[in-house]
Amino acid sequence: MRKLRIYILILTTCGLIFFTVFGKRGVLEYLSLKSELTALEHESSRIDKETFQAKKSINDLKTDQLALEAEARKRLGLGRPDEIIYVLPRNPVQPKDSTQN
C-alpha cells in the first residue's frame, strides 16, 4: 500500500511538472509571450520616434518658410527665378557597346 502511495505521488508530481512546463499557461508559453512583448515594445518605440519626427516635420513646414521652400524644391523640382533645374533620369539607359555582337 505504501508503494502505491509513492507511485501516485511521483505520477502526480511528474504531471504537475509537465503541465507547469508544457501546459497552455506553462513556462514555455510564458517565455514565448515575453519575447513577443519585447518585440512589440521595440516596434512601439520605433513608431513613437517616427511619429515624433513626422509631427516635427509638419510643424516645421507650417512655421518655417525656409523648410517649406526646401521641401517644395526637393519634391516638386521648383527653383528660384534665376536658377536652372536639371532633372536626371532615375535609371539611366546604358549605351549599347558596338564592339560586342
C-alpha atoms as a PDB file:
ATOM      1  CA  MET A   1       0.000   0.000   0.000  1.00  0.00           C
ATOM      2  CA  ARG A   2       2.869   2.327   0.798  1.00  0.00           C
ATOM      3  CA  LYS A   3       4.446   1.709  -2.643  1.00  0.00           C
ATOM      4  CA  LEU A   4       1.143   2.616  -4.295  1.00  0.00           C
ATOM      5  CA  ARG A   5       1.073   5.969  -2.461  1.00  0.00           C
ATOM      6  CA  ILE A   6       4.653   6.665  -3.517  1.00  0.00           C
ATOM      7  CA  TYR A   7       3.823   5.842  -7.160  1.00  0.00           C
ATOM      8  CA  ILE A   8       0.748   8.060  -7.059  1.00  0.00           C
ATOM      9  CA  LEU A   9       2.786  10.879  -5.508  1.00  0.00           C
ATOM     10  CA  ILE A  10       5.515  10.501  -8.146  1.00  0.00           C
ATOM     11  CA  LEU A  11       2.973  10.423 -11.006  1.00  0.00           C
ATOM     12  CA  THR A  12       1.151  13.451  -9.621  1.00  0.00           C
ATOM     13  CA  THR A  13       4.408  15.359  -9.232  1.00  0.00           C
ATOM     14  CA  CYS A  14       5.506  14.449 -12.777  1.00  0.00           C
ATOM     15  CA  GLY A  15       2.112  15.511 -14.126  1.00  0.00           C
ATOM     16  CA  LEU A  16       2.308  18.858 -12.336  1.00  0.00           C
ATOM     17  CA  ILE A  17       5.831  19.455 -13.592  1.00  0.00           C
ATOM     18  CA  PHE A  18       4.813  18.501 -17.149  1.00  0.00           C
ATOM     19  CA  PHE A  19       1.833  20.867 -17.188  1.00  0.00           C
ATOM     20  CA  THR A  20       3.844  23.619 -15.498  1.00  0.00           C
ATOM     21  CA  VAL A  21       6.421  23.494 -18.277  1.00  0.00           C
ATOM     22  CA  PHE A  22       4.420  22.435 -21.346  1.00  0.00           C
ATOM     23  CA  GLY A  23       0.854  23.404 -20.453  1.00  0.00           C
ATOM     24  CA  LYS A  24      -1.323  26.090 -22.013  1.00  0.00           C
ATOM     25  CA  ARG A  25      -0.087  28.642 -19.484  1.00  0.00           C
ATOM     26  CA  GLY A  26       3.223  26.980 -18.787  1.00  0.00           C
ATOM     27  CA  VAL A  27       6.762  28.241 -18.706  1.00  0.00           C
ATOM     28  CA  LEU A  28       7.330  27.772 -22.434  1.00  0.00           C
ATOM     29  CA  GLU A  29       4.224  29.800 -23.278  1.00  0.00           C
ATOM     30  CA  TYR A  30       5.318  32.467 -20.794  1.00  0.00           C
ATOM     31  CA  LEU A  31       8.757  32.746 -22.424  1.00  0.00           C
ATOM     32  CA  SER A  32       7.188  32.950 -25.871  1.00  0.00           C
ATOM     33  CA  LEU A  33       4.829  35.724 -24.778  1.00  0.00           C
ATOM     34  CA  LYS A  34       7.646  37.573 -23.037  1.00  0.00           C
ATOM     35  CA  SER A  35       9.695  37.513 -26.240  1.00  0.00           C
ATOM     36  CA  GLU A  36       6.714  38.741 -28.261  1.00  0.00           C
ATOM     37  CA  LEU A  37       6.121  41.540 -25.743  1.00  0.00           C
ATOM     38  CA  THR A  38       9.734  42.702 -26.050  1.00  0.00           C
ATOM     39  CA  ALA A  39       9.459  42.765 -29.844  1.00  0.00           C
ATOM     40  CA  LEU A  40       6.220  44.747 -29.670  1.00  0.00           C
ATOM     41  CA  GLU A  41       7.750  47.233 -27.229  1.00  0.00           C
ATOM     42  CA  HIS A  42      10.662  47.816 -29.626  1.00  0.00           C
ATOM     43  CA  GLU A  43       8.265  48.300 -32.524  1.00  0.00           C
ATOM     44  CA  SER A  44       6.166  50.701 -30.454  1.00  0.00           C
ATOM     45  CA  SER A  45       9.266  52.698 -29.586  1.00  0.00           C
ATOM     46  CA  ARG A  46      10.262  52.875 -33.257  1.00  0.00           C
ATOM     47  CA  ILE A  47       6.786  54.020 -34.256  1.00  0.00           C
ATOM     48  CA  ASP A  48       6.808  56.657 -31.497  1.00  0.00           C
ATOM     49  CA  LYS A  49      10.085  58.038 -32.870  1.00  0.00           C
ATOM     50  CA  GLU A  50       8.675  58.109 -36.413  1.00  0.00           C
ATOM     51  CA  THR A  51       5.554  59.880 -35.160  1.00  0.00           C
ATOM     52  CA  PHE A  52       7.644  62.467 -33.338  1.00  0.00           C
ATOM     53  CA  GLN A  53       9.725  63.110 -36.476  1.00  0.00           C
ATOM     54  CA  ALA A  54       6.592  63.418 -38.632  1.00  0.00           C
ATOM     55  CA  LYS A  55       4.978  65.880 -36.201  1.00  0.00           C
ATOM     56  CA  LYS A  56       8.218  67.885 -36.101  1.00  0.00           C
ATOM     57  CA  SER A  57       8.355  67.993 -39.906  1.00  0.00           C
ATOM     58  CA  ILE A  58       4.733  69.100 -40.103  1.00  0.00           C
ATOM     59  CA  ASN A  59       5.339  71.824 -37.539  1.00  0.00           C
ATOM     60  CA  ASP A  60       8.466  72.977 -39.396  1.00  0.00           C
ATOM     61  CA  LEU A  61       6.572  73.149 -42.691  1.00  0.00           C
ATOM     62  CA  LYS A  62       3.773  75.158 -41.056  1.00  0.00           C
ATOM     63  CA  THR A  63       6.042  77.659 -39.301  1.00  0.00           C
ATOM     64  CA  ASP A  64       9.378  77.833 -41.146  1.00  0.00           C
ATOM     65  CA  GLN A  65       9.357  79.310 -44.649  1.00  0.00           C
ATOM     66  CA  LEU A  66      12.866  78.017 -45.398  1.00  0.00           C
ATOM     67  CA  ALA A  67      11.816  74.458 -44.554  1.00  0.00           C
ATOM     68  CA  LEU A  68       8.725  74.815 -46.738  1.00  0.00           C
ATOM     69  CA  GLU A  69      10.820  76.152 -49.619  1.00  0.00           C
ATOM     70  CA  ALA A  70      13.378  73.352 -49.264  1.00  0.00           C
ATOM     71  CA  GLU A  71      10.640  70.688 -49.310  1.00  0.00           C
ATOM     72  CA  ALA A  72       8.976  72.265 -52.369  1.00  0.00           C
ATOM     73  CA  ARG A  73      12.309  72.405 -54.176  1.00  0.00           C
ATOM     74  CA  LYS A  74      13.041  68.774 -53.344  1.00  0.00           C
ATOM     75  CA  ARG A  75       9.643  67.264 -54.148  1.00  0.00           C
ATOM     76  CA  LEU A  76       8.414  69.452 -56.973  1.00  0.00           C
ATOM     77  CA  GLY A  77      11.690  70.388 -58.600  1.00  0.00           C
ATOM     78  CA  LEU A  78      10.958  74.055 -58.088  1.00  0.00           C
ATOM     79  CA  GLY A  79      13.644  76.702 -58.206  1.00  0.00           C
ATOM     80  CA  ARG A  80      14.137  80.388 -57.877  1.00  0.00           C
ATOM     81  CA  PRO A  81      13.682  82.636 -60.941  1.00  0.00           C
ATOM     82  CA  ASP A  82      17.431  82.855 -61.600  1.00  0.00           C
ATOM     83  CA  GLU A  83      18.123  79.106 -61.264  1.00  0.00           C
ATOM     84  CA  ILE A  84      18.267  76.375 -63.889  1.00  0.00           C
ATOM     85  CA  ILE A  85      16.963  72.983 -62.766  1.00  0.00           C
ATOM     86  CA  TYR A  86      18.482  69.835 -64.253  1.00  0.00           C
ATOM     87  CA  VAL A  87      16.384  66.696 -63.907  1.00  0.00           C
ATOM     88  CA  LEU A  88      18.264  63.456 -64.454  1.00  0.00           C
ATOM     89  CA  PRO A  89      16.523  60.129 -65.056  1.00  0.00           C
ATOM     90  CA  ARG A  90      16.474  57.789 -62.078  1.00  0.00           C
ATOM     91  CA  ASN A  91      17.574  54.783 -64.128  1.00  0.00           C
ATOM     92  CA  PRO A  92      19.904  55.984 -66.853  1.00  0.00           C
ATOM     93  CA  VAL A  93      19.927  53.908 -70.020  1.00  0.00           C
ATOM     94  CA  GLN A  94      23.224  52.166 -70.625  1.00  0.00           C
ATOM     95  CA  PRO A  95      24.631  52.759 -74.129  1.00  0.00           C
ATOM     96  CA  LYS A  96      24.977  49.643 -76.247  1.00  0.00           C
ATOM     97  CA  ASP A  97      28.545  48.560 -76.835  1.00  0.00           C
ATOM     98  CA  SER A  98      29.080  48.325 -80.597  1.00  0.00           C
ATOM     99  CA  THR A  99      32.123  46.036 -80.235  1.00  0.00           C
ATOM    100  CA  GLN A 100      30.036  43.131 -78.970  1.00  0.00           C
ATOM    101  CA  ASN A 101      27.843  41.170 -81.387  1.00  0.00           C
END
